[in-house]
Structure formats: C-alpha cells, structure tokens
Amino acid sequence: MKKFKILVGVGLIAALLTGALALYAGVAAVRHLAKLGNDLPVAQHAQALKSTVESLPNIAKTECLGTAQGLLNLDKLLSTPLKESLQNLSQACLGETPHHESEII
C-alpha cells in the first residue's frame, strides 16, 4: 500500500509539472505572436500581400469552375481537341478572346 501511495504521489506531481509547463508554453507562444504582430515589417508584408491578392485576376468564376470540371470528364476530354479545350478554359477563366489560326505565328 505504501508503494501505491508513493506511485500516486509521483504521478500527481508529474501531472502538475506537465500542466504548468503546458500553461507556460501557451503563454509564451501568445506573447511571441503578439510581439510578432506588432512588428512593423510583418505589418508591411501583410499589407503588400493584401494589395497583391486584390490585384490578381478573378479566376473563381462559375464558368471557369464549370469548364474545369467539364475537362475532368474523360469522354469529353477525348472527344474534343486539346487546343480547343484549353482555349475554352482560358476564355472562361481569364476572359480572353479566342485567337484565330491566322493570328498564331
């Protein structure tokens, strides 16, 4: 019985130390992230990334997604020429007009 009490006591102490260490690590991580967020270079990089993302073309149109999903259909992909499929995808996603054969060099 005495060995069991010692084992339970050591287990409780280990659990308390583990909990305290996890709490300390959590607080340290939050402090580090708060300090990192207030850094000027990080804020500048975030603003630059935001402006870059806003300037990207909008490719998430429904026509684009429908055309891309349609190309995943093997029967449709094999029945139409690859060049025509890619032109349709380009037109749907990027809004490009199809090029005529005479324009291609």
PDB file of N, CA and C in Angstrom:
ATOM      1  N   MET A   1       0.816  -1.189   0.000  1.00  0.00           N
ATOM      2  CA  MET A   1       0.000   0.000   0.000  1.00  0.00           C
ATOM      3  C   MET A   1       0.866   1.262   0.000  1.00  0.00           C
ATOM      4  N   LYS A   2       1.998   1.176   0.670  1.00  0.00           N
ATOM      5  CA  LYS A   2       2.891   2.326   0.752  1.00  0.00           C
ATOM      6  C   LYS A   2       3.473   2.641  -0.627  1.00  0.00           C
ATOM      7  N   LYS A   3       3.814   1.611  -1.407  1.00  0.00           N
ATOM      8  CA  LYS A   3       4.357   1.820  -2.745  1.00  0.00           C
ATOM      9  C   LYS A   3       3.299   2.445  -3.660  1.00  0.00           C
ATOM     10  N   PHE A   4       2.055   2.053  -3.469  1.00  0.00           N
ATOM     11  CA  PHE A   4       0.966   2.612  -4.272  1.00  0.00           C
ATOM     12  C   PHE A   4       0.789   4.105  -3.993  1.00  0.00           C
ATOM     13  N   LYS A   5       0.881   4.501  -2.716  1.00  0.00           N
ATOM     14  CA  LYS A   5       0.755   5.921  -2.348  1.00  0.00           C
ATOM     15  C   LYS A   5       1.910   6.729  -2.944  1.00  0.00           C
ATOM     16  N   ILE A   6       3.092   6.151  -2.913  1.00  0.00           N
ATOM     17  CA  ILE A   6       4.252   6.835  -3.500  1.00  0.00           C
ATOM     18  C   ILE A   6       4.056   6.989  -5.002  1.00  0.00           C
ATOM     19  N   LEU A   7       3.570   5.950  -5.649  1.00  0.00           N
ATOM     20  CA  LEU A   7       3.331   5.988  -7.093  1.00  0.00           C
ATOM     21  C   LEU A   7       2.280   7.036  -7.443  1.00  0.00           C
ATOM     22  N   VAL A   8       1.198   7.104  -6.683  1.00  0.00           N
ATOM     23  CA  VAL A   8       0.151   8.099  -6.929  1.00  0.00           C
ATOM     24  C   VAL A   8       0.695   9.504  -6.686  1.00  0.00           C
ATOM     25  N   GLY A   9       1.501   9.687  -5.641  1.00  0.00           N
ATOM     26  CA  GLY A   9       2.089  10.997  -5.342  1.00  0.00           C
ATOM     27  C   GLY A   9       3.016  11.466  -6.446  1.00  0.00           C
ATOM     28  N   VAL A  10       3.857  10.571  -6.944  1.00  0.00           N
ATOM     29  CA  VAL A  10       4.773  10.913  -8.031  1.00  0.00           C
ATOM     30  C   VAL A  10       3.980  11.227  -9.297  1.00  0.00           C
ATOM     31  N   GLY A  11       2.904  10.460  -9.529  1.00  0.00           N
ATOM     32  CA  GLY A  11       2.061  10.706 -10.699  1.00  0.00           C
ATOM     33  C   GLY A  11       1.392  12.071 -10.631  1.00  0.00           C
ATOM     34  N   LEU A  12       0.897  12.452  -9.452  1.00  0.00           N
ATOM     35  CA  LEU A  12       0.262  13.771  -9.289  1.00  0.00           C
ATOM     36  C   LEU A  12       1.263  14.901  -9.483  1.00  0.00           C
ATOM     37  N   ILE A  13       2.450  14.729  -8.953  1.00  0.00           N
ATOM     38  CA  ILE A  13       3.489  15.752  -9.119  1.00  0.00           C
ATOM     39  C   ILE A  13       3.871  15.879 -10.595  1.00  0.00           C
ATOM     40  N   ALA A  14       3.992  14.744 -11.283  1.00  0.00           N
ATOM     41  CA  ALA A  14       4.318  14.772 -12.713  1.00  0.00           C
ATOM     42  C   ALA A  14       3.200  15.438 -13.510  1.00  0.00           C
ATOM     43  N   ALA A  15       1.948  15.164 -13.158  1.00  0.00           N
ATOM     44  CA  ALA A  15       0.819  15.792 -13.852  1.00  0.00           C
ATOM     45  C   ALA A  15       0.805  17.298 -13.603  1.00  0.00           C
ATOM     46  N   LEU A  16       1.084  17.734 -12.388  1.00  0.00           N
ATOM     47  CA  LEU A  16       1.136  19.170 -12.085  1.00  0.00           C
ATOM     48  C   LEU A  16       2.269  19.859 -12.842  1.00  0.00           C
ATOM     49  N   LEU A  17       3.428  19.224 -12.882  1.00  0.00           N
ATOM     50  CA  LEU A  17       4.555  19.809 -13.610  1.00  0.00           C
ATOM     51  C   LEU A  17       4.264  19.872 -15.106  1.00  0.00           C
ATOM     52  N   THR A  18       3.654  18.835 -15.648  1.00  0.00           N
ATOM     53  CA  THR A  18       3.317  18.824 -17.068  1.00  0.00           C
ATOM     54  C   THR A  18       2.289  19.916 -17.385  1.00  0.00           C
ATOM     55  N   GLY A  19       1.286  20.068 -16.534  1.00  0.00           N
ATOM     56  CA  GLY A  19       0.282  21.114 -16.726  1.00  0.00           C
ATOM     57  C   GLY A  19       0.883  22.502 -16.652  1.00  0.00           C
ATOM     58  N   ALA A  20       1.774  22.707 -15.682  1.00  0.00           N
ATOM     59  CA  ALA A  20       2.420  24.013 -15.540  1.00  0.00           C
ATOM     60  C   ALA A  20       3.296  24.310 -16.752  1.00  0.00           C
ATOM     61  N   LEU A  21       3.994  23.307 -17.250  1.00  0.00           N
ATOM     62  CA  LEU A  21       4.843  23.501 -18.429  1.00  0.00           C
ATOM     63  C   LEU A  21       4.002  23.820 -19.659  1.00  0.00           C
ATOM     64  N   ALA A  22       2.858  23.128 -19.826  1.00  0.00           N
ATOM     65  CA  ALA A  22       1.976  23.401 -20.963  1.00  0.00           C
ATOM     66  C   ALA A  22       1.399  24.808 -20.860  1.00  0.00           C
ATOM     67  N   LEU A  23       1.019  25.222 -19.664  1.00  0.00           N
ATOM     68  CA  LEU A  23       0.494  26.581 -19.467  1.00  0.00           C
ATOM     69  C   LEU A  23       1.564  27.624 -19.772  1.00  0.00           C
ATOM     70  N   TYR A  24       2.776  27.401 -19.312  1.00  0.00           N
ATOM     71  CA  TYR A  24       3.869  28.331 -19.581  1.00  0.00           C
ATOM     72  C   TYR A  24       4.151  28.418 -21.085  1.00  0.00           C
ATOM     73  N   ALA A  25       4.156  27.271 -21.764  1.00  0.00           N
ATOM     74  CA  ALA A  25       4.413  27.269 -23.205  1.00  0.00           C
ATOM     75  C   ALA A  25       3.302  28.010 -23.951  1.00  0.00           C
ATOM     76  N   GLY A  26       2.061  27.853 -23.532  1.00  0.00           N
ATOM     77  CA  GLY A  26       0.946  28.562 -24.170  1.00  0.00           C
ATOM     78  C   GLY A  26       1.053  30.060 -24.000  1.00  0.00           C
ATOM     79  N   VAL A  27       1.373  30.501 -22.787  1.00  0.00           N
ATOM     80  CA  VAL A  27       1.517  31.942 -22.525  1.00  0.00           C
ATOM     81  C   VAL A  27       2.695  32.508 -23.309  1.00  0.00           C
ATOM     82  N   ALA A  28       3.799  31.781 -23.353  1.00  0.00           N
ATOM     83  CA  ALA A  28       4.969  32.245 -24.105  1.00  0.00           C
ATOM     84  C   ALA A  28       4.653  32.341 -25.596  1.00  0.00           C
ATOM     85  N   ALA A  29       3.895  31.382 -26.122  1.00  0.00           N
ATOM     86  CA  ALA A  29       3.543  31.413 -27.545  1.00  0.00           C
ATOM     87  C   ALA A  29       2.638  32.601 -27.850  1.00  0.00           C
ATOM     88  N   VAL A  30       1.670  32.871 -26.984  1.00  0.00           N
ATOM     89  CA  VAL A  30       0.773  34.016 -27.201  1.00  0.00           C
ATOM     90  C   VAL A  30       1.551  35.322 -27.132  1.00  0.00           C
ATOM     91  N   ARG A  31       2.456  35.440 -26.192  1.00  0.00           N
ATOM     92  CA  ARG A  31       3.274  36.662 -26.091  1.00  0.00           C
ATOM     93  C   ARG A  31       4.131  36.840 -27.342  1.00  0.00           C
ATOM     94  N   HIS A  32       4.705  35.748 -27.820  1.00  0.00           N
ATOM     95  CA  HIS A  32       5.555  35.824 -29.015  1.00  0.00           C
ATOM     96  C   HIS A  32       4.728  36.252 -30.228  1.00  0.00           C
ATOM     97  N   LEU A  33       3.543  35.688 -30.387  1.00  0.00           N
ATOM     98  CA  LEU A  33       2.697  36.058 -31.516  1.00  0.00           C
ATOM     99  C   LEU A  33       2.231  37.504 -31.414  1.00  0.00           C
ATOM    100  N   ALA A  34       1.937  37.959 -30.216  1.00  0.00           N
ATOM    101  CA  ALA A  34       1.530  39.352 -30.038  1.00  0.00           C
ATOM    102  C   ALA A  34       2.678  40.299 -30.385  1.00  0.00           C
ATOM    103  N   LYS A  35       3.877  39.937 -29.979  1.00  0.00           N
ATOM    104  CA  LYS A  35       5.047  40.762 -30.293  1.00  0.00           C
ATOM    105  C   LYS A  35       5.328  40.735 -31.793  1.00  0.00           C
ATOM    106  N   LEU A  36       5.169  39.571 -32.412  1.00  0.00           N
ATOM    107  CA  LEU A  36       5.413  39.426 -33.840  1.00  0.00           C
ATOM    108  C   LEU A  36       4.399  40.226 -34.650  1.00  0.00           C
ATOM    109  N   GLY A  37       3.145  40.262 -34.201  1.00  0.00           N
ATOM    110  CA  GLY A  37       2.105  41.005 -34.910  1.00  0.00           C
ATOM    111  C   GLY A  37       2.310  42.504 -34.858  1.00  0.00           C
ATOM    112  N   ASN A  38       2.970  43.000 -33.836  1.00  0.00           N
ATOM    113  CA  ASN A  38       3.209  44.438 -33.710  1.00  0.00           C
ATOM    114  C   ASN A  38       4.466  44.881 -34.442  1.00  0.00           C
ATOM    115  N   ASP A  39       5.238  43.935 -34.948  1.00  0.00           N
ATOM    116  CA  ASP A  39       6.438  44.284 -35.693  1.00  0.00           C
ATOM    117  C   ASP A  39       6.067  45.019 -36.976  1.00  0.00           C
ATOM    118  N   LEU A  40       6.757  46.080 -37.300  1.00  0.00           N
ATOM    119  CA  LEU A  40       6.461  46.871 -38.479  1.00  0.00           C
ATOM    120  C   LEU A  40       6.694  46.111 -39.784  1.00  0.00           C
ATOM    121  N   PRO A  41       7.798  45.371 -39.961  1.00  0.00           N
ATOM    122  CA  PRO A  41       7.988  44.649 -41.218  1.00  0.00           C
ATOM    123  C   PRO A  41       6.876  43.623 -41.489  1.00  0.00           C
ATOM    124  N   VAL A  42       6.385  42.975 -40.454  1.00  0.00           N
ATOM    125  CA  VAL A  42       5.323  41.991 -40.644  1.00  0.00           C
ATOM    126  C   VAL A  42       4.056  42.687 -41.120  1.00  0.00           C
ATOM    127  N   ALA A  43       3.743  43.827 -40.540  1.00  0.00           N
ATOM    128  CA  ALA A  43       2.556  44.572 -40.956  1.00  0.00           C
ATOM    129  C   ALA A  43       2.702  45.050 -42.406  1.00  0.00           C
ATOM    130  N   GLN A  44       3.893  45.484 -42.768  1.00  0.00           N
ATOM    131  CA  GLN A  44       4.123  45.932 -44.140  1.00  0.00           C
ATOM    132  C   GLN A  44       3.990  44.769 -45.120  1.00  0.00           C
ATOM    133  N   HIS A  45       4.515  43.608 -44.754  1.00  0.00           N
ATOM    134  CA  HIS A  45       4.402  42.429 -45.628  1.00  0.00           C
ATOM    135  C   HIS A  45       2.941  42.013 -45.766  1.00  0.00           C
ATOM    136  N   ALA A  46       2.190  42.084 -44.681  1.00  0.00           N
ATOM    137  CA  ALA A  46       0.776  41.710 -44.747  1.00  0.00           C
ATOM    138  C   ALA A  46       0.012  42.670 -45.648  1.00  0.00           C
ATOM    139  N   GLN A  47       0.296  43.957 -45.560  1.00  0.00           N
ATOM    140  CA  GLN A  47      -0.373  44.943 -46.409  1.00  0.00           C
ATOM    141  C   GLN A  47       0.005  44.740 -47.879  1.00  0.00           C
ATOM    142  N   ALA A  48       1.281  44.451 -48.139  1.00  0.00           N
ATOM    143  CA  ALA A  48       1.720  44.213 -49.512  1.00  0.00           C
ATOM    144  C   ALA A  48       1.058  42.953 -50.076  1.00  0.00           C
ATOM    145  N   LEU A  49       0.940  41.922 -49.252  1.00  0.00           N
ATOM    146  CA  LEU A  49       0.293  40.696 -49.701  1.00  0.00           C
ATOM    147  C   LEU A  49      -1.182  40.938 -49.994  1.00  0.00           C
ATOM    148  N   LYS A  50      -1.823  41.736 -49.161  1.00  0.00           N
ATOM    149  CA  LYS A  50      -3.238  42.041 -49.367  1.00  0.00           C
ATOM    150  C   LYS A  50      -3.439  42.791 -50.683  1.00  0.00           C
ATOM    151  N   SER A  51      -2.593  43.771 -50.966  1.00  0.00           N
ATOM    152  CA  SER A  51      -2.734  44.516 -52.213  1.00  0.00           C
ATOM    153  C   SER A  51      -2.407  43.641 -53.423  1.00  0.00           C
ATOM    154  N   THR A  52      -1.476  42.704 -53.273  1.00  0.00           N
ATOM    155  CA  THR A  52      -1.149  41.796 -54.363  1.00  0.00           C
ATOM    156  C   THR A  52      -2.318  40.862 -54.659  1.00  0.00           C
ATOM    157  N   VAL A  53      -2.943  40.347 -53.619  1.00  0.00           N
ATOM    158  CA  VAL A  53      -4.075  39.439 -53.801  1.00  0.00           C
ATOM    159  C   VAL A  53      -5.242  40.171 -54.445  1.00  0.00           C
ATOM    160  N   GLU A  54      -5.474  41.420 -54.061  1.00  0.00           N
ATOM    161  CA  GLU A  54      -6.573  42.194 -54.641  1.00  0.00           C
ATOM    162  C   GLU A  54      -6.334  42.493 -56.112  1.00  0.00           C
ATOM    163  N   SER A  55      -5.078  42.575 -56.540  1.00  0.00           N
ATOM    164  CA  SER A  55      -4.791  42.903 -57.927  1.00  0.00           C
ATOM    165  C   SER A  55      -4.781  41.676 -58.843  1.00  0.00           C
ATOM    166  N   LEU A  56      -4.862  40.479 -58.287  1.00  0.00           N
ATOM    167  CA  LEU A  56      -4.883  39.270 -59.108  1.00  0.00           C
ATOM    168  C   LEU A  56      -6.198  39.185 -59.869  1.00  0.00           C
ATOM    169  N   PRO A  57      -6.182  38.585 -61.059  1.00  0.00           N
ATOM    170  CA  PRO A  57      -7.438  38.451 -61.798  1.00  0.00           C
ATOM    171  C   PRO A  57      -8.378  37.485 -61.090  1.00  0.00           C
ATOM    172  N   ASN A  58      -9.650  37.733 -61.239  1.00  0.00           N
ATOM    173  CA  ASN A  58     -10.658  36.901 -60.596  1.00  0.00           C
ATOM    174  C   ASN A  58     -10.856  35.641 -61.431  1.00  0.00           C
ATOM    175  N   ILE A  59     -10.279  34.528 -60.977  1.00  0.00           N
ATOM    176  CA  ILE A  59     -10.384  33.287 -61.748  1.00  0.00           C
ATOM    177  C   ILE A  59     -11.397  32.325 -61.137  1.00  0.00           C
ATOM    178  N   ALA A  60     -12.059  32.730 -60.083  1.00  0.00           N
ATOM    179  CA  ALA A  60     -13.001  31.827 -59.424  1.00  0.00           C
ATOM    180  C   ALA A  60     -14.428  32.061 -59.918  1.00  0.00           C
ATOM    181  N   LYS A  61     -14.584  32.282 -61.197  1.00  0.00           N
ATOM    182  CA  LYS A  61     -15.901  32.471 -61.763  1.00  0.00           C
ATOM    183  C   LYS A  61     -16.574  31.119 -61.913  1.00  0.00           C
ATOM    184  N   THR A  62     -17.891  31.129 -61.969  1.00  0.00           N
ATOM    185  CA  THR A  62     -18.604  29.861 -62.085  1.00  0.00           C
ATOM    186  C   THR A  62     -18.364  29.225 -63.445  1.00  0.00           C
ATOM    187  N   GLU A  63     -18.223  30.034 -64.490  1.00  0.00           N
ATOM    188  CA  GLU A  63     -17.949  29.456 -65.805  1.00  0.00           C
ATOM    189  C   GLU A  63     -16.600  28.753 -65.796  1.00  0.00           C
ATOM    190  N   CYS A  64     -15.653  29.347 -65.111  1.00  0.00           N
ATOM    191  CA  CYS A  64     -14.310  28.777 -65.050  1.00  0.00           C
ATOM    192  C   CYS A  64     -14.342  27.435 -64.336  1.00  0.00           C
ATOM    193  N   LEU A  65     -15.014  27.389 -63.188  1.00  0.00           N
ATOM    194  CA  LEU A  65     -15.069  26.149 -62.436  1.00  0.00           C
ATOM    195  C   LEU A  65     -15.838  25.079 -63.198  1.00  0.00           C
ATOM    196  N   GLY A  66     -16.918  25.487 -63.866  1.00  0.00           N
ATOM    197  CA  GLY A  66     -17.685  24.522 -64.657  1.00  0.00           C
ATOM    198  C   GLY A  66     -16.883  23.974 -65.813  1.00  0.00           C
ATOM    199  N   THR A  67     -16.125  24.840 -66.475  1.00  0.00           N
ATOM    200  CA  THR A  67     -15.297  24.390 -67.596  1.00  0.00           C
ATOM    201  C   THR A  67     -14.187  23.467 -67.107  1.00  0.00           C
ATOM    202  N   ALA A  68     -13.575  23.824 -65.997  1.00  0.00           N
ATOM    203  CA  ALA A  68     -12.500  22.985 -65.459  1.00  0.00           C
ATOM    204  C   ALA A  68     -13.046  21.621 -65.032  1.00  0.00           C
ATOM    205  N   GLN A  69     -14.215  21.604 -64.409  1.00  0.00           N
ATOM    206  CA  GLN A  69     -14.802  20.325 -64.024  1.00  0.00           C
ATOM    207  C   GLN A  69     -15.209  19.522 -65.255  1.00  0.00           C
ATOM    208  N   GLY A  70     -15.664  20.225 -66.289  1.00  0.00           N
ATOM    209  CA  GLY A  70     -16.017  19.536 -67.524  1.00  0.00           C
ATOM    210  C   GLY A  70     -14.817  18.875 -68.172  1.00  0.00           C
ATOM    211  N   LEU A  71     -13.629  19.474 -68.031  1.00  0.00           N
ATOM    212  CA  LEU A  71     -12.422  18.879 -68.608  1.00  0.00           C
ATOM    213  C   LEU A  71     -12.001  17.621 -67.865  1.00  0.00           C
ATOM    214  N   LEU A  72     -12.497  17.460 -66.639  1.00  0.00           N
ATOM    215  CA  LEU A  72     -12.177  16.250 -65.892  1.00  0.00           C
ATOM    216  C   LEU A  72     -12.953  15.042 -66.405  1.00  0.00           C
ATOM    217  N   ASN A  73     -14.000  15.285 -67.174  1.00  0.00           N
ATOM    218  CA  ASN A  73     -14.771  14.205 -67.771  1.00  0.00           C
ATOM    219  C   ASN A  73     -13.941  13.610 -68.908  1.00  0.00           C
ATOM    220  N   LEU A  74     -13.582  12.360 -68.795  1.00  0.00           N
ATOM    221  CA  LEU A  74     -12.670  11.729 -69.744  1.00  0.00           C
ATOM    222  C   LEU A  74     -13.272  11.637 -71.142  1.00  0.00           C
ATOM    223  N   ASP A  75     -14.558  11.329 -71.231  1.00  0.00           N
ATOM    224  CA  ASP A  75     -15.188  11.216 -72.553  1.00  0.00           C
ATOM    225  C   ASP A  75     -15.149  12.552 -73.288  1.00  0.00           C
ATOM    226  N   LYS A  76     -15.469  13.629 -72.579  1.00  0.00           N
ATOM    227  CA  LYS A  76     -15.474  14.949 -73.207  1.00  0.00           C
ATOM    228  C   LYS A  76     -14.053  15.373 -73.572  1.00  0.00           C
ATOM    229  N   LEU A  77     -13.110  15.039 -72.718  1.00  0.00           N
ATOM    230  CA  LEU A  77     -11.719  15.411 -72.981  1.00  0.00           C
ATOM    231  C   LEU A  77     -11.184  14.690 -74.219  1.00  0.00           C
ATOM    232  N   LEU A  78     -11.560  13.440 -74.396  1.00  0.00           N
ATOM    233  CA  LEU A  78     -11.080  12.687 -75.551  1.00  0.00           C
ATOM    234  C   LEU A  78     -11.824  13.043 -76.832  1.00  0.00           C
ATOM    235  N   SER A  79     -13.062  13.542 -76.703  1.00  0.00           N
ATOM    236  CA  SER A  79     -13.843  13.838 -77.900  1.00  0.00           C
ATOM    237  C   SER A  79     -13.496  15.195 -78.508  1.00  0.00           C
ATOM    238  N   THR A  80     -12.994  16.130 -77.715  1.00  0.00           N
ATOM    239  CA  THR A  80     -12.642  17.449 -78.246  1.00  0.00           C
ATOM    240  C   THR A  80     -11.118  17.572 -78.300  1.00  0.00           C
ATOM    241  N   PRO A  81     -10.615  18.333 -79.267  1.00  0.00           N
ATOM    242  CA  PRO A  81      -9.167  18.536 -79.333  1.00  0.00           C
ATOM    243  C   PRO A  81      -8.652  19.282 -78.102  1.00  0.00           C
ATOM    244  N   LEU A  82      -7.441  18.982 -77.710  1.00  0.00           N
ATOM    245  CA  LEU A  82      -6.845  19.587 -76.533  1.00  0.00           C
ATOM    246  C   LEU A  82      -6.741  21.104 -76.678  1.00  0.00           C
ATOM    247  N   LYS A  83      -6.391  21.564 -77.869  1.00  0.00           N
ATOM    248  CA  LYS A  83      -6.244  23.001 -78.114  1.00  0.00           C
ATOM    249  C   LYS A  83      -7.568  23.721 -77.877  1.00  0.00           C
ATOM    250  N   GLU A  84      -8.657  23.133 -78.356  1.00  0.00           N
ATOM    251  CA  GLU A  84      -9.975  23.741 -78.181  1.00  0.00           C
ATOM    252  C   GLU A  84     -10.376  23.743 -76.706  1.00  0.00           C
ATOM    253  N   SER A  85     -10.071  22.662 -75.992  1.00  0.00           N
ATOM    254  CA  SER A  85     -10.391  22.586 -74.570  1.00  0.00           C
ATOM    255  C   SER A  85      -9.643  23.648 -73.784  1.00  0.00           C
ATOM    256  N   LEU A  86      -8.363  23.817 -74.085  1.00  0.00           N
ATOM    257  CA  LEU A  86      -7.565  24.827 -73.384  1.00  0.00           C
ATOM    258  C   LEU A  86      -8.024  26.245 -73.722  1.00  0.00           C
ATOM    259  N   GLN A  87      -8.427  26.467 -74.969  1.00  0.00           N
ATOM    260  CA  GLN A  87      -8.949  27.788 -75.343  1.00  0.00           C
ATOM    261  C   GLN A  87     -10.249  28.079 -74.607  1.00  0.00           C
ATOM    262  N   ASN A  88     -11.120  27.078 -74.497  1.00  0.00           N
ATOM    263  CA  ASN A  88     -12.375  27.265 -73.760  1.00  0.00           C
ATOM    264  C   ASN A  88     -12.106  27.557 -72.298  1.00  0.00           C
ATOM    265  N   LEU A  89     -11.147  26.864 -71.709  1.00  0.00           N
ATOM    266  CA  LEU A  89     -10.799  27.103 -70.312  1.00  0.00           C
ATOM    267  C   LEU A  89     -10.213  28.490 -70.132  1.00  0.00           C
ATOM    268  N   SER A  90      -9.342  28.897 -71.045  1.00  0.00           N
ATOM    269  CA  SER A  90      -8.738  30.225 -70.977  1.00  0.00           C
ATOM    270  C   SER A  90      -9.789  31.308 -71.123  1.00  0.00           C
ATOM    271  N   GLN A  91     -10.714  31.104 -72.016  1.00  0.00           N
ATOM    272  CA  GLN A  91     -11.766  32.101 -72.228  1.00  0.00           C
ATOM    273  C   GLN A  91     -12.679  32.186 -71.009  1.00  0.00           C
ATOM    274  N   ALA A  92     -13.015  31.063 -70.406  1.00  0.00           N
ATOM    275  CA  ALA A  92     -13.920  31.061 -69.261  1.00  0.00           C
ATOM    276  C   ALA A  92     -13.265  31.644 -68.011  1.00  0.00           C
ATOM    277  N   CYS A  93     -11.998  31.340 -67.801  1.00  0.00           N
ATOM    278  CA  CYS A  93     -11.339  31.765 -66.563  1.00  0.00           C
ATOM    279  C   CYS A  93     -10.744  33.167 -66.644  1.00  0.00           C
ATOM    280  N   LEU A  94     -10.116  33.469 -67.735  1.00  0.00           N
ATOM    281  CA  LEU A  94      -9.398  34.737 -67.838  1.00  0.00           C
ATOM    282  C   LEU A  94     -10.103  35.755 -68.711  1.00  0.00           C
ATOM    283  N   GLY A  95     -11.166  35.356 -69.364  1.00  0.00           N
ATOM    284  CA  GLY A  95     -11.925  36.274 -70.207  1.00  0.00           C
ATOM    285  C   GLY A  95     -11.213  36.614 -71.496  1.00  0.00           C
ATOM    286  N   GLU A  96     -10.258  35.788 -71.902  1.00  0.00           N
ATOM    287  CA  GLU A  96      -9.522  36.049 -73.134  1.00  0.00           C
ATOM    288  C   GLU A  96     -10.380  35.672 -74.331  1.00  0.00           C
ATOM    289  N   THR A  97     -10.215  36.402 -75.397  1.00  0.00           N
ATOM    290  CA  THR A  97     -10.926  36.055 -76.625  1.00  0.00           C
ATOM    291  C   THR A  97     -10.136  34.989 -77.356  1.00  0.00           C
ATOM    292  N   PRO A  98     -10.815  34.075 -78.014  1.00  0.00           N
ATOM    293  CA  PRO A  98     -10.080  33.015 -78.724  1.00  0.00           C
ATOM    294  C   PRO A  98      -9.312  33.587 -79.906  1.00  0.00           C
ATOM    295  N   HIS A  99      -8.122  33.081 -80.121  1.00  0.00           N
ATOM    296  CA  HIS A  99      -7.275  33.528 -81.233  1.00  0.00           C
ATOM    297  C   HIS A  99      -7.636  32.732 -82.469  1.00  0.00           C
ATOM    298  N   HIS A 100      -7.606  33.398 -83.607  1.00  0.00           N
ATOM    299  CA  HIS A 100      -7.848  32.721 -84.868  1.00  0.00           C
ATOM    300  C   HIS A 100      -6.558  32.109 -85.353  1.00  0.00           C
ATOM    301  N   GLU A 101      -6.668  31.121 -86.230  1.00  0.00           N
ATOM    302  CA  GLU A 101      -5.483  30.432 -86.740  1.00  0.00           C
ATOM    303  C   GLU A 101      -4.549  31.387 -87.469  1.00  0.00           C
ATOM    304  N   SER A 102      -5.104  32.426 -88.109  1.00  0.00           N
ATOM    305  CA  SER A 102      -4.255  33.354 -88.864  1.00  0.00           C
ATOM    306  C   SER A 102      -3.433  34.236 -87.946  1.00  0.00           C
ATOM    307  N   GLU A 103      -3.872  34.419 -86.691  1.00  0.00           N
ATOM    308  CA  GLU A 103      -3.131  35.269 -85.763  1.00  0.00           C
ATOM    309  C   GLU A 103      -1.968  34.546 -85.124  1.00  0.00           C
ATOM    310  N   ILE A 104      -2.016  33.235 -85.113  1.00  0.00           N
ATOM    311  CA  ILE A 104      -0.949  32.450 -84.465  1.00  0.00           C
ATOM    312  C   ILE A 104       0.202  32.291 -85.438  1.00  0.00           C
ATOM    313  N   ILE A 105       1.393  32.627 -84.975  1.00  0.00           N
ATOM    314  CA  ILE A 105       2.581  32.547 -85.834  1.00  0.00           C
ATOM    315  C   ILE A 105       3.285  31.252 -85.571  1.00  0.00           C
TER     316      ILE A 105
END
